[in-house]
Amino acid sequence: MYLYFIRHGESEGNKLGIIQGWQDFSLSVTGMMQAEQLAKYLENKPLDFIYTSDLTRAYETASAVAERKHLTAHKWEKLREINLGPLEGKTRQDIEAQYPEIKERSLLTSGVVGTESVSEITSRCKYLLDQMKHAHDGKHVALVAHGGLISIMLMYILLGDEWHLHHRPFQIDNTSITLVEFKSDRKPSIHYINKTIHLELEELQQNASLLNKEA
């Protein structure tokens, strides 16, 4: 099985610097353009199923891909971002002012009352992978989700239940693609992380167009 972990495009919350968690935001205009470039890039790639977080920013991203692939984007609440409870809807600066004790901690595992606990996150990661392996062995599957969840999923794939005891080094950008291959007779293989070539190609095309106009 090949799992494509895809982060949603830029949301209105991202644009404003808001910590979103489970709060629902639509894609910004930039995010819509990113989603379209992602869809174009994946149009000729093998893909059998698309699952998406039910939050709007992810579903809008997944829908752009699904339309080009003639597939259905299946909403799945298990793909939501980490639940950050009372930290949601605030900027990082606001959070650090209100909760100075977590300034040096990751917001995803802060331990603040009302946020998703490490044990709950671990259970979610295990469930997600178990369901995918059971249902889609040998298939190519896209999971359109969120930066925090994707980075933790990678840690869980590498380290299992002890994922939270180690530094989480992954950068997961808007509409980036991370590809992990699972084979029954061996450990998972990570083909690449945070691939954004579709955005880079668009930038190159725009620059080339400008140069042609100036020539």
N, C-alpha and C. Protein backbone atom coordinates (compact mmCIF):
# COMPACT_ATOMS: atom_id res chain seq x y z
N MET A 1 0.84 -1.20 0.00
CA MET A 1 0.00 0.00 0.00
C MET A 1 0.88 1.24 0.00
N TYR A 2 0.47 2.22 -0.80
CA TYR A 2 1.13 3.52 -0.83
C TYR A 2 0.18 4.55 -0.22
N LEU A 3 0.63 5.21 0.84
CA LEU A 3 -0.17 6.26 1.47
C LEU A 3 0.43 7.62 1.15
N TYR A 4 -0.38 8.47 0.52
CA TYR A 4 0.01 9.85 0.29
C TYR A 4 -0.60 10.70 1.41
N PHE A 5 0.23 11.23 2.28
CA PHE A 5 -0.24 12.16 3.31
C PHE A 5 -0.14 13.56 2.72
N ILE A 6 -1.28 14.25 2.60
CA ILE A 6 -1.33 15.55 1.95
C ILE A 6 -1.91 16.58 2.91
N ARG A 7 -1.18 17.67 3.10
CA ARG A 7 -1.72 18.74 3.93
C ARG A 7 -2.61 19.65 3.08
N HIS A 8 -3.62 20.21 3.71
CA HIS A 8 -4.53 21.13 3.03
C HIS A 8 -3.80 22.39 2.56
N GLY A 9 -4.43 23.12 1.64
CA GLY A 9 -3.89 24.39 1.19
C GLY A 9 -4.00 25.46 2.26
N GLU A 10 -3.41 26.61 1.98
CA GLU A 10 -3.46 27.71 2.95
C GLU A 10 -4.90 28.06 3.28
N SER A 11 -5.21 28.13 4.56
CA SER A 11 -6.56 28.48 5.00
C SER A 11 -6.60 29.95 5.43
N GLU A 12 -7.80 30.44 5.63
CA GLU A 12 -7.94 31.80 6.16
C GLU A 12 -7.31 31.90 7.55
N GLY A 13 -7.38 30.80 8.32
CA GLY A 13 -6.74 30.78 9.62
C GLY A 13 -5.22 30.85 9.52
N ASN A 14 -4.66 30.08 8.58
CA ASN A 14 -3.21 30.14 8.33
C ASN A 14 -2.79 31.57 8.00
N LYS A 15 -3.55 32.21 7.14
CA LYS A 15 -3.22 33.56 6.67
C LYS A 15 -3.18 34.55 7.83
N LEU A 16 -4.04 34.34 8.81
CA LEU A 16 -4.13 35.24 9.96
C LEU A 16 -3.21 34.83 11.11
N GLY A 17 -2.50 33.70 10.95
CA GLY A 17 -1.62 33.24 12.02
C GLY A 17 -2.35 32.65 13.20
N ILE A 18 -3.55 32.11 12.95
CA ILE A 18 -4.37 31.55 14.02
C ILE A 18 -4.09 30.06 14.18
N ILE A 19 -3.98 29.62 15.43
CA ILE A 19 -3.87 28.19 15.73
C ILE A 19 -5.27 27.60 15.59
N GLN A 20 -5.45 26.70 14.64
CA GLN A 20 -6.80 26.28 14.26
C GLN A 20 -7.30 25.04 14.98
N GLY A 21 -6.49 23.97 15.01
CA GLY A 21 -6.98 22.73 15.60
C GLY A 21 -8.25 22.28 14.92
N TRP A 22 -9.31 22.10 15.71
CA TRP A 22 -10.59 21.66 15.18
C TRP A 22 -11.46 22.81 14.69
N GLN A 23 -11.02 24.05 14.88
CA GLN A 23 -11.82 25.16 14.36
C GLN A 23 -11.83 25.10 12.83
N ASP A 24 -12.95 25.51 12.26
CA ASP A 24 -13.16 25.31 10.83
C ASP A 24 -12.93 26.60 10.05
N PHE A 25 -12.04 26.54 9.08
CA PHE A 25 -11.75 27.66 8.20
C PHE A 25 -11.74 27.17 6.76
N SER A 26 -12.19 28.02 5.85
CA SER A 26 -12.11 27.71 4.43
C SER A 26 -10.71 28.01 3.91
N LEU A 27 -10.43 27.56 2.70
CA LEU A 27 -9.18 27.92 2.05
C LEU A 27 -9.18 29.39 1.69
N SER A 28 -8.01 30.01 1.76
CA SER A 28 -7.83 31.35 1.24
C SER A 28 -7.76 31.28 -0.28
N VAL A 29 -7.70 32.42 -0.93
CA VAL A 29 -7.54 32.43 -2.40
C VAL A 29 -6.25 31.73 -2.78
N THR A 30 -5.18 32.00 -2.02
CA THR A 30 -3.91 31.30 -2.27
C THR A 30 -4.07 29.80 -2.08
N GLY A 31 -4.79 29.41 -1.03
CA GLY A 31 -5.01 27.99 -0.77
C GLY A 31 -5.76 27.30 -1.89
N MET A 32 -6.73 27.99 -2.48
CA MET A 32 -7.47 27.42 -3.60
C MET A 32 -6.55 27.21 -4.81
N MET A 33 -5.66 28.16 -5.04
CA MET A 33 -4.70 28.02 -6.14
C MET A 33 -3.75 26.87 -5.87
N GLN A 34 -3.30 26.74 -4.62
CA GLN A 34 -2.42 25.63 -4.26
C GLN A 34 -3.11 24.29 -4.48
N ALA A 35 -4.38 24.21 -4.09
CA ALA A 35 -5.13 22.96 -4.24
C ALA A 35 -5.27 22.59 -5.71
N GLU A 36 -5.46 23.58 -6.55
CA GLU A 36 -5.58 23.32 -7.98
C GLU A 36 -4.26 22.83 -8.57
N GLN A 37 -3.16 23.42 -8.13
CA GLN A 37 -1.85 22.96 -8.61
C GLN A 37 -1.56 21.54 -8.13
N LEU A 38 -1.94 21.26 -6.90
CA LEU A 38 -1.81 19.90 -6.37
C LEU A 38 -2.61 18.92 -7.23
N ALA A 39 -3.85 19.28 -7.54
CA ALA A 39 -4.72 18.41 -8.34
C ALA A 39 -4.13 18.15 -9.72
N LYS A 40 -3.58 19.20 -10.34
CA LYS A 40 -2.96 19.03 -11.65
C LYS A 40 -1.78 18.06 -11.57
N TYR A 41 -0.98 18.21 -10.51
CA TYR A 41 0.21 17.36 -10.36
C TYR A 41 -0.19 15.89 -10.17
N LEU A 42 -1.26 15.65 -9.41
CA LEU A 42 -1.67 14.28 -9.10
C LEU A 42 -2.54 13.66 -10.19
N GLU A 43 -2.92 14.45 -11.17
CA GLU A 43 -3.87 13.97 -12.19
C GLU A 43 -3.42 12.68 -12.86
N ASN A 44 -2.13 12.57 -13.13
CA ASN A 44 -1.62 11.38 -13.82
C ASN A 44 -0.85 10.43 -12.90
N LYS A 45 -1.00 10.63 -11.60
CA LYS A 45 -0.38 9.73 -10.63
C LYS A 45 -1.39 8.64 -10.25
N PRO A 46 -0.91 7.43 -9.92
CA PRO A 46 -1.85 6.38 -9.51
C PRO A 46 -2.51 6.72 -8.18
N LEU A 47 -3.82 6.65 -8.16
CA LEU A 47 -4.56 6.94 -6.93
C LEU A 47 -5.89 6.20 -6.98
N ASP A 48 -6.16 5.40 -5.97
CA ASP A 48 -7.37 4.58 -5.95
C ASP A 48 -8.45 5.12 -5.03
N PHE A 49 -8.04 5.73 -3.92
CA PHE A 49 -9.00 6.23 -2.93
C PHE A 49 -8.49 7.54 -2.34
N ILE A 50 -9.45 8.41 -1.96
CA ILE A 50 -9.13 9.66 -1.29
C ILE A 50 -9.96 9.76 -0.01
N TYR A 51 -9.29 9.94 1.10
CA TYR A 51 -9.94 10.22 2.38
C TYR A 51 -9.50 11.60 2.84
N THR A 52 -10.42 12.30 3.50
CA THR A 52 -10.10 13.65 3.92
C THR A 52 -10.67 13.96 5.31
N SER A 53 -9.95 14.76 6.03
CA SER A 53 -10.51 15.37 7.23
C SER A 53 -11.83 16.05 6.86
N ASP A 54 -12.78 16.05 7.80
CA ASP A 54 -14.07 16.68 7.51
C ASP A 54 -14.04 18.20 7.72
N LEU A 55 -12.90 18.74 8.13
CA LEU A 55 -12.79 20.19 8.26
C LEU A 55 -12.69 20.82 6.86
N THR A 56 -13.29 21.97 6.69
CA THR A 56 -13.48 22.56 5.36
C THR A 56 -12.19 22.74 4.59
N ARG A 57 -11.13 23.21 5.25
CA ARG A 57 -9.88 23.49 4.54
C ARG A 57 -9.29 22.23 3.91
N ALA A 58 -9.46 21.10 4.57
CA ALA A 58 -8.98 19.83 4.02
C ALA A 58 -9.93 19.30 2.95
N TYR A 59 -11.22 19.38 3.21
CA TYR A 59 -12.19 18.84 2.25
C TYR A 59 -12.14 19.61 0.93
N GLU A 60 -11.97 20.93 0.99
CA GLU A 60 -11.87 21.71 -0.24
C GLU A 60 -10.62 21.31 -1.03
N THR A 61 -9.54 21.04 -0.33
CA THR A 61 -8.31 20.60 -0.99
C THR A 61 -8.51 19.22 -1.63
N ALA A 62 -9.08 18.31 -0.87
CA ALA A 62 -9.32 16.95 -1.37
C ALA A 62 -10.29 16.96 -2.55
N SER A 63 -11.28 17.84 -2.51
CA SER A 63 -12.27 17.90 -3.58
C SER A 63 -11.65 18.31 -4.90
N ALA A 64 -10.65 19.21 -4.85
CA ALA A 64 -9.96 19.62 -6.08
C ALA A 64 -9.25 18.43 -6.71
N VAL A 65 -8.63 17.61 -5.87
CA VAL A 65 -7.95 16.41 -6.37
C VAL A 65 -8.96 15.39 -6.87
N ALA A 66 -10.01 15.18 -6.10
CA ALA A 66 -11.03 14.18 -6.46
C ALA A 66 -11.68 14.49 -7.79
N GLU A 67 -11.94 15.77 -8.04
CA GLU A 67 -12.60 16.15 -9.30
C GLU A 67 -11.73 15.78 -10.50
N ARG A 68 -10.44 16.04 -10.42
CA ARG A 68 -9.55 15.71 -11.54
C ARG A 68 -9.34 14.20 -11.69
N LYS A 69 -9.39 13.48 -10.57
CA LYS A 69 -9.15 12.04 -10.60
C LYS A 69 -10.43 11.24 -10.81
N HIS A 70 -11.57 11.93 -10.84
CA HIS A 70 -12.88 11.26 -10.96
C HIS A 70 -13.08 10.25 -9.83
N LEU A 71 -12.73 10.72 -8.63
CA LEU A 71 -12.90 9.91 -7.43
C LEU A 71 -13.78 10.66 -6.44
N THR A 72 -14.16 9.99 -5.37
CA THR A 72 -14.93 10.62 -4.29
C THR A 72 -14.00 10.93 -3.13
N ALA A 73 -14.10 12.13 -2.58
CA ALA A 73 -13.35 12.50 -1.38
C ALA A 73 -14.19 12.10 -0.17
N HIS A 74 -13.79 11.02 0.51
CA HIS A 74 -14.55 10.50 1.64
C HIS A 74 -14.16 11.24 2.92
N LYS A 75 -15.12 11.90 3.55
CA LYS A 75 -14.85 12.60 4.81
C LYS A 75 -14.64 11.59 5.95
N TRP A 76 -13.65 11.87 6.79
CA TRP A 76 -13.32 10.98 7.90
C TRP A 76 -12.80 11.84 9.05
N GLU A 77 -13.58 11.90 10.12
CA GLU A 77 -13.21 12.78 11.24
C GLU A 77 -11.91 12.37 11.92
N LYS A 78 -11.50 11.13 11.73
CA LYS A 78 -10.23 10.67 12.32
C LYS A 78 -9.03 11.40 11.73
N LEU A 79 -9.22 12.04 10.57
CA LEU A 79 -8.13 12.76 9.92
C LEU A 79 -8.08 14.24 10.32
N ARG A 80 -8.91 14.62 11.28
CA ARG A 80 -8.87 16.00 11.74
C ARG A 80 -7.51 16.34 12.35
N GLU A 81 -7.26 17.65 12.43
CA GLU A 81 -6.07 18.11 13.13
C GLU A 81 -6.16 17.71 14.60
N ILE A 82 -5.04 17.78 15.32
CA ILE A 82 -5.06 17.52 16.76
C ILE A 82 -6.00 18.51 17.43
N ASN A 83 -6.82 18.03 18.33
CA ASN A 83 -7.76 18.88 19.05
C ASN A 83 -7.00 19.71 20.09
N LEU A 84 -6.98 21.02 19.90
CA LEU A 84 -6.22 21.89 20.80
C LEU A 84 -7.11 22.67 21.77
N GLY A 85 -8.39 22.34 21.82
CA GLY A 85 -9.28 22.86 22.84
C GLY A 85 -9.15 24.36 23.08
N PRO A 86 -8.77 24.77 24.30
CA PRO A 86 -8.73 26.20 24.65
C PRO A 86 -7.64 26.99 23.94
N LEU A 87 -6.73 26.31 23.25
CA LEU A 87 -5.67 27.01 22.51
C LEU A 87 -6.13 27.46 21.13
N GLU A 88 -7.24 26.94 20.69
CA GLU A 88 -7.71 27.22 19.32
C GLU A 88 -8.27 28.63 19.18
N GLY A 89 -8.11 29.17 17.98
CA GLY A 89 -8.65 30.49 17.69
C GLY A 89 -7.78 31.64 18.15
N LYS A 90 -6.59 31.31 18.66
CA LYS A 90 -5.66 32.31 19.16
C LYS A 90 -4.38 32.29 18.34
N THR A 91 -3.64 33.38 18.38
CA THR A 91 -2.31 33.38 17.79
C THR A 91 -1.34 32.72 18.77
N ARG A 92 -0.18 32.34 18.28
CA ARG A 92 0.82 31.73 19.17
C ARG A 92 1.23 32.71 20.27
N GLN A 93 1.32 33.99 19.94
CA GLN A 93 1.69 34.99 20.92
C GLN A 93 0.64 35.08 22.04
N ASP A 94 -0.64 35.02 21.65
CA ASP A 94 -1.72 35.06 22.64
C ASP A 94 -1.65 33.84 23.56
N ILE A 95 -1.37 32.68 22.97
CA ILE A 95 -1.29 31.45 23.75
C ILE A 95 -0.14 31.52 24.75
N GLU A 96 1.02 31.97 24.31
CA GLU A 96 2.18 32.04 25.19
C GLU A 96 1.97 33.04 26.32
N ALA A 97 1.21 34.10 26.04
CA ALA A 97 0.90 35.07 27.08
C ALA A 97 -0.06 34.50 28.12
N GLN A 98 -1.02 33.69 27.65
CA GLN A 98 -2.02 33.11 28.54
C GLN A 98 -1.51 31.87 29.25
N TYR A 99 -0.63 31.11 28.57
CA TYR A 99 -0.09 29.87 29.13
C TYR A 99 1.45 29.90 29.07
N PRO A 100 2.09 30.75 29.85
CA PRO A 100 3.56 30.87 29.76
C PRO A 100 4.30 29.57 30.08
N GLU A 101 3.65 28.69 30.83
CA GLU A 101 4.29 27.42 31.21
C GLU A 101 4.51 26.48 30.03
N ILE A 102 3.84 26.72 28.90
CA ILE A 102 4.00 25.82 27.74
C ILE A 102 4.82 26.48 26.63
N LYS A 103 5.47 27.59 26.93
CA LYS A 103 6.20 28.32 25.90
C LYS A 103 7.24 27.46 25.20
N GLU A 104 7.89 26.57 25.93
CA GLU A 104 8.94 25.73 25.35
C GLU A 104 8.44 24.37 24.90
N ARG A 105 7.13 24.16 24.96
CA ARG A 105 6.56 22.87 24.57
C ARG A 105 5.86 22.97 23.23
N SER A 106 5.70 21.82 22.58
CA SER A 106 4.89 21.77 21.38
C SER A 106 3.42 21.96 21.75
N LEU A 107 2.71 22.77 20.99
CA LEU A 107 1.29 22.98 21.26
C LEU A 107 0.50 21.68 21.08
N LEU A 108 1.01 20.79 20.24
CA LEU A 108 0.29 19.54 19.95
C LEU A 108 0.30 18.58 21.12
N THR A 109 1.28 18.72 22.00
CA THR A 109 1.40 17.83 23.16
C THR A 109 1.61 18.65 24.42
N SER A 110 0.91 19.76 24.54
CA SER A 110 1.13 20.70 25.64
C SER A 110 0.64 20.17 26.98
N GLY A 111 -0.36 19.28 26.95
CA GLY A 111 -0.93 18.78 28.19
C GLY A 111 -1.94 19.71 28.82
N VAL A 112 -2.26 20.82 28.17
CA VAL A 112 -3.27 21.75 28.69
C VAL A 112 -4.62 21.03 28.75
N VAL A 113 -5.33 21.23 29.85
CA VAL A 113 -6.64 20.59 30.03
C VAL A 113 -7.57 21.00 28.88
N GLY A 114 -8.21 20.01 28.28
CA GLY A 114 -9.12 20.27 27.17
C GLY A 114 -8.52 20.02 25.80
N THR A 115 -7.20 19.74 25.76
CA THR A 115 -6.55 19.39 24.50
C THR A 115 -6.49 17.87 24.37
N GLU A 116 -6.29 17.40 23.18
CA GLU A 116 -6.19 15.96 22.93
C GLU A 116 -4.93 15.41 23.58
N SER A 117 -5.07 14.35 24.34
CA SER A 117 -3.94 13.80 25.10
C SER A 117 -3.04 12.94 24.21
N VAL A 118 -1.83 12.70 24.68
CA VAL A 118 -0.89 11.84 23.95
C VAL A 118 -1.50 10.45 23.73
N SER A 119 -2.15 9.90 24.73
CA SER A 119 -2.74 8.57 24.58
C SER A 119 -3.86 8.57 23.55
N GLU A 120 -4.66 9.64 23.52
CA GLU A 120 -5.73 9.73 22.52
C GLU A 120 -5.16 9.87 21.11
N ILE A 121 -4.10 10.67 20.98
CA ILE A 121 -3.47 10.83 19.67
C ILE A 121 -2.87 9.51 19.21
N THR A 122 -2.21 8.81 20.12
CA THR A 122 -1.59 7.52 19.79
C THR A 122 -2.64 6.52 19.32
N SER A 123 -3.76 6.47 20.02
CA SER A 123 -4.84 5.56 19.63
C SER A 123 -5.37 5.90 18.24
N ARG A 124 -5.46 7.19 17.96
CA ARG A 124 -5.95 7.63 16.66
C ARG A 124 -4.99 7.22 15.54
N CYS A 125 -3.69 7.40 15.77
CA CYS A 125 -2.70 7.00 14.77
C CYS A 125 -2.77 5.50 14.49
N LYS A 126 -2.85 4.71 15.55
CA LYS A 126 -2.92 3.25 15.40
C LYS A 126 -4.17 2.86 14.62
N TYR A 127 -5.29 3.46 14.97
CA TYR A 127 -6.55 3.14 14.30
C TYR A 127 -6.49 3.48 12.81
N LEU A 128 -5.97 4.67 12.51
CA LEU A 128 -5.86 5.10 11.11
C LEU A 128 -5.05 4.12 10.29
N LEU A 129 -3.87 3.76 10.78
CA LEU A 129 -3.01 2.85 10.02
C LEU A 129 -3.60 1.46 9.92
N ASP A 130 -4.17 0.97 11.00
CA ASP A 130 -4.78 -0.36 10.98
C ASP A 130 -5.91 -0.43 9.95
N GLN A 131 -6.74 0.60 9.91
CA GLN A 131 -7.85 0.63 8.96
C GLN A 131 -7.36 0.66 7.52
N MET A 132 -6.35 1.46 7.27
CA MET A 132 -5.81 1.55 5.91
C MET A 132 -5.19 0.22 5.47
N LYS A 133 -4.41 -0.39 6.33
CA LYS A 133 -3.76 -1.66 5.98
C LYS A 133 -4.79 -2.76 5.74
N HIS A 134 -5.83 -2.74 6.53
CA HIS A 134 -6.87 -3.77 6.41
C HIS A 134 -7.70 -3.59 5.13
N ALA A 135 -8.01 -2.32 4.80
CA ALA A 135 -8.95 -2.07 3.70
C ALA A 135 -8.29 -1.89 2.35
N HIS A 136 -7.01 -1.47 2.31
CA HIS A 136 -6.45 -1.03 1.04
C HIS A 136 -5.06 -1.60 0.76
N ASP A 137 -4.86 -2.83 1.11
CA ASP A 137 -3.58 -3.48 0.83
C ASP A 137 -3.30 -3.45 -0.68
N GLY A 138 -2.11 -2.99 -1.05
CA GLY A 138 -1.73 -2.95 -2.46
C GLY A 138 -2.27 -1.77 -3.24
N LYS A 139 -2.99 -0.86 -2.59
CA LYS A 139 -3.61 0.28 -3.28
C LYS A 139 -2.81 1.56 -3.04
N HIS A 140 -3.16 2.59 -3.81
CA HIS A 140 -2.62 3.94 -3.65
C HIS A 140 -3.72 4.81 -3.03
N VAL A 141 -3.46 5.34 -1.85
CA VAL A 141 -4.49 6.04 -1.09
C VAL A 141 -3.97 7.41 -0.66
N ALA A 142 -4.80 8.44 -0.85
CA ALA A 142 -4.47 9.79 -0.38
C ALA A 142 -5.23 10.08 0.90
N LEU A 143 -4.52 10.58 1.91
CA LEU A 143 -5.11 11.04 3.15
C LEU A 143 -4.87 12.54 3.24
N VAL A 144 -5.91 13.32 3.04
CA VAL A 144 -5.77 14.78 3.06
C VAL A 144 -6.10 15.26 4.47
N ALA A 145 -5.10 15.82 5.12
CA ALA A 145 -5.25 16.12 6.55
C ALA A 145 -4.54 17.43 6.89
N HIS A 146 -3.85 17.44 8.01
CA HIS A 146 -3.32 18.66 8.61
C HIS A 146 -1.87 18.47 9.03
N GLY A 147 -1.14 19.58 9.09
CA GLY A 147 0.30 19.51 9.36
C GLY A 147 0.66 18.83 10.65
N GLY A 148 -0.06 19.14 11.72
CA GLY A 148 0.24 18.53 13.01
C GLY A 148 0.03 17.03 12.99
N LEU A 149 -1.14 16.61 12.50
CA LEU A 149 -1.44 15.18 12.47
C LEU A 149 -0.47 14.44 11.58
N ILE A 150 -0.15 15.00 10.41
CA ILE A 150 0.75 14.30 9.49
C ILE A 150 2.13 14.13 10.12
N SER A 151 2.64 15.17 10.75
CA SER A 151 3.97 15.06 11.37
C SER A 151 3.97 14.03 12.49
N ILE A 152 2.88 13.94 13.24
CA ILE A 152 2.79 12.94 14.31
C ILE A 152 2.63 11.54 13.72
N MET A 153 1.86 11.42 12.66
CA MET A 153 1.72 10.12 12.01
C MET A 153 3.08 9.59 11.56
N LEU A 154 3.93 10.46 11.04
CA LEU A 154 5.27 10.04 10.63
C LEU A 154 6.08 9.57 11.83
N MET A 155 5.98 10.29 12.92
CA MET A 155 6.68 9.88 14.15
C MET A 155 6.16 8.52 14.62
N TYR A 156 4.85 8.34 14.56
CA TYR A 156 4.27 7.06 14.99
C TYR A 156 4.72 5.91 14.09
N ILE A 157 4.76 6.16 12.79
CA ILE A 157 5.22 5.12 11.86
C ILE A 157 6.66 4.71 12.18
N LEU A 158 7.49 5.66 12.55
CA LEU A 158 8.90 5.39 12.83
C LEU A 158 9.13 4.82 14.22
N LEU A 159 8.37 5.30 15.22
CA LEU A 159 8.71 5.03 16.62
C LEU A 159 7.60 4.35 17.42
N GLY A 160 6.43 4.18 16.83
CA GLY A 160 5.34 3.53 17.56
C GLY A 160 4.87 4.37 18.73
N ASP A 161 4.48 3.72 19.82
CA ASP A 161 3.88 4.40 20.96
C ASP A 161 4.81 5.40 21.64
N GLU A 162 6.09 5.33 21.36
CA GLU A 162 7.05 6.25 22.00
C GLU A 162 7.30 7.51 21.16
N TRP A 163 6.48 7.75 20.18
CA TRP A 163 6.67 8.89 19.27
C TRP A 163 6.82 10.21 20.01
N HIS A 164 6.09 10.36 21.11
CA HIS A 164 6.05 11.65 21.81
C HIS A 164 7.27 11.92 22.67
N LEU A 165 8.14 10.92 22.81
CA LEU A 165 9.34 11.07 23.64
C LEU A 165 10.51 11.66 22.85
N HIS A 166 10.32 11.89 21.58
CA HIS A 166 11.42 12.33 20.72
C HIS A 166 11.06 13.63 20.00
N HIS A 167 12.09 14.34 19.60
CA HIS A 167 11.90 15.58 18.84
C HIS A 167 11.22 15.27 17.51
N ARG A 168 10.25 16.08 17.16
CA ARG A 168 9.50 15.91 15.92
C ARG A 168 10.05 16.92 14.90
N PRO A 169 10.88 16.46 13.94
CA PRO A 169 11.63 17.39 13.10
C PRO A 169 10.97 17.78 11.78
N PHE A 170 9.78 17.27 11.52
CA PHE A 170 9.24 17.38 10.17
C PHE A 170 8.57 18.72 9.89
N GLN A 171 8.90 19.30 8.75
CA GLN A 171 8.22 20.48 8.22
C GLN A 171 7.17 19.99 7.23
N ILE A 172 5.92 20.38 7.45
CA ILE A 172 4.83 19.94 6.57
C ILE A 172 4.12 21.20 6.05
N ASP A 173 4.39 21.56 4.81
CA ASP A 173 3.86 22.79 4.23
C ASP A 173 2.50 22.58 3.59
N ASN A 174 1.82 23.68 3.30
CA ASN A 174 0.50 23.61 2.67
C ASN A 174 0.57 22.88 1.33
N THR A 175 -0.31 21.94 1.15
CA THR A 175 -0.47 21.03 0.00
C THR A 175 0.77 20.18 -0.27
N SER A 176 1.66 20.06 0.72
CA SER A 176 2.80 19.17 0.54
C SER A 176 2.34 17.72 0.53
N ILE A 177 3.14 16.89 -0.16
CA ILE A 177 2.85 15.46 -0.29
C ILE A 177 3.96 14.67 0.39
N THR A 178 3.56 13.72 1.20
CA THR A 178 4.49 12.80 1.85
C THR A 178 4.06 11.38 1.50
N LEU A 179 4.97 10.60 0.95
CA LEU A 179 4.62 9.25 0.47
C LEU A 179 5.30 8.17 1.31
N VAL A 180 4.48 7.28 1.86
CA VAL A 180 4.98 6.16 2.66
C VAL A 180 4.45 4.87 2.06
N GLU A 181 5.35 3.91 1.86
CA GLU A 181 4.98 2.60 1.30
C GLU A 181 4.97 1.56 2.41
N PHE A 182 3.91 0.76 2.44
CA PHE A 182 3.77 -0.31 3.42
C PHE A 182 3.73 -1.65 2.70
N LYS A 183 4.61 -2.56 3.12
CA LYS A 183 4.61 -3.92 2.60
C LYS A 183 4.48 -4.88 3.76
N SER A 184 3.73 -5.95 3.53
CA SER A 184 3.42 -6.88 4.62
C SER A 184 4.66 -7.57 5.18
N ASP A 185 5.68 -7.74 4.35
CA ASP A 185 6.84 -8.51 4.77
C ASP A 185 8.03 -7.66 5.19
N ARG A 186 7.84 -6.35 5.32
CA ARG A 186 8.96 -5.50 5.72
C ARG A 186 8.45 -4.21 6.38
N LYS A 187 9.37 -3.45 6.95
CA LYS A 187 9.01 -2.21 7.60
C LYS A 187 8.64 -1.15 6.55
N PRO A 188 7.89 -0.12 6.96
CA PRO A 188 7.49 0.93 6.00
C PRO A 188 8.70 1.64 5.40
N SER A 189 8.53 2.12 4.18
CA SER A 189 9.55 2.91 3.50
C SER A 189 9.00 4.30 3.22
N ILE A 190 9.72 5.32 3.64
CA ILE A 190 9.32 6.69 3.36
C ILE A 190 10.01 7.14 2.07
N HIS A 191 9.25 7.35 1.02
CA HIS A 191 9.81 7.74 -0.27
C HIS A 191 10.23 9.20 -0.28
N TYR A 192 9.38 10.06 0.29
CA TYR A 192 9.73 11.47 0.41
C TYR A 192 8.78 12.14 1.41
N ILE A 193 9.22 13.32 1.89
CA ILE A 193 8.46 14.08 2.88
C ILE A 193 8.36 15.54 2.41
N ASN A 194 7.17 16.12 2.56
CA ASN A 194 6.97 17.56 2.32
C ASN A 194 7.32 17.97 0.88
N LYS A 195 6.90 17.17 -0.08
CA LYS A 195 7.17 17.47 -1.48
C LYS A 195 6.21 18.54 -1.98
N THR A 196 6.76 19.63 -2.51
CA THR A 196 5.92 20.74 -2.99
C THR A 196 6.31 21.14 -4.41
N ILE A 197 6.76 20.19 -5.19
CA ILE A 197 7.22 20.49 -6.55
C ILE A 197 6.11 21.10 -7.40
N HIS A 198 4.85 20.76 -7.12
CA HIS A 198 3.74 21.31 -7.89
C HIS A 198 3.64 22.82 -7.71
N LEU A 199 3.97 23.32 -6.53
CA LEU A 199 3.96 24.77 -6.30
C LEU A 199 5.17 25.42 -6.93
N GLU A 200 6.30 24.73 -6.90
CA GLU A 200 7.52 25.26 -7.49
C GLU A 200 7.39 25.35 -9.01
N LEU A 201 6.76 24.36 -9.62
CA LEU A 201 6.54 24.37 -11.07
C LEU A 201 5.65 25.53 -11.48
N GLU A 202 4.62 25.79 -10.67
CA GLU A 202 3.73 26.91 -10.97
C GLU A 202 4.49 28.23 -10.90
N GLU A 203 5.35 28.37 -9.90
CA GLU A 203 6.14 29.59 -9.76
C GLU A 203 7.07 29.76 -10.96
N LEU A 204 7.70 28.66 -11.39
CA LEU A 204 8.57 28.72 -12.55
C LEU A 204 7.81 29.12 -13.81
N GLN A 205 6.61 28.57 -13.96
CA GLN A 205 5.80 28.89 -15.13
C GLN A 205 5.39 30.37 -15.13
N GLN A 206 5.05 30.89 -13.93
CA GLN A 206 4.68 32.29 -13.84
C GLN A 206 5.86 33.20 -14.18
N ASN A 207 7.04 32.84 -13.65
CA ASN A 207 8.24 33.62 -13.92
C ASN A 207 8.59 33.59 -15.41
N ALA A 208 8.45 32.40 -16.02
CA ALA A 208 8.74 32.27 -17.45
C ALA A 208 7.77 33.12 -18.27
N SER A 209 6.51 33.14 -17.85
CA SER A 209 5.51 33.94 -18.55
C SER A 209 5.85 35.43 -18.49
N LEU A 210 6.28 35.88 -17.30
CA LEU A 210 6.67 37.28 -17.14
C LEU A 210 7.86 37.63 -18.00
N LEU A 211 8.84 36.73 -18.04
CA LEU A 211 10.04 36.97 -18.86
C LEU A 211 9.69 37.04 -20.34
N ASN A 212 8.78 36.19 -20.77
CA ASN A 212 8.35 36.18 -22.18
C ASN A 212 7.65 37.48 -22.55
N LYS A 213 6.86 38.02 -21.60
CA LYS A 213 6.16 39.26 -21.86
C LYS A 213 7.14 40.43 -21.95
N GLU A 214 8.22 40.37 -21.16
CA GLU A 214 9.19 41.45 -21.13
C GLU A 214 10.13 41.40 -22.32
N ALA A 215 10.29 40.18 -22.89
CA ALA A 215 11.27 40.01 -23.99
C ALA A 215 10.82 40.71 -25.27
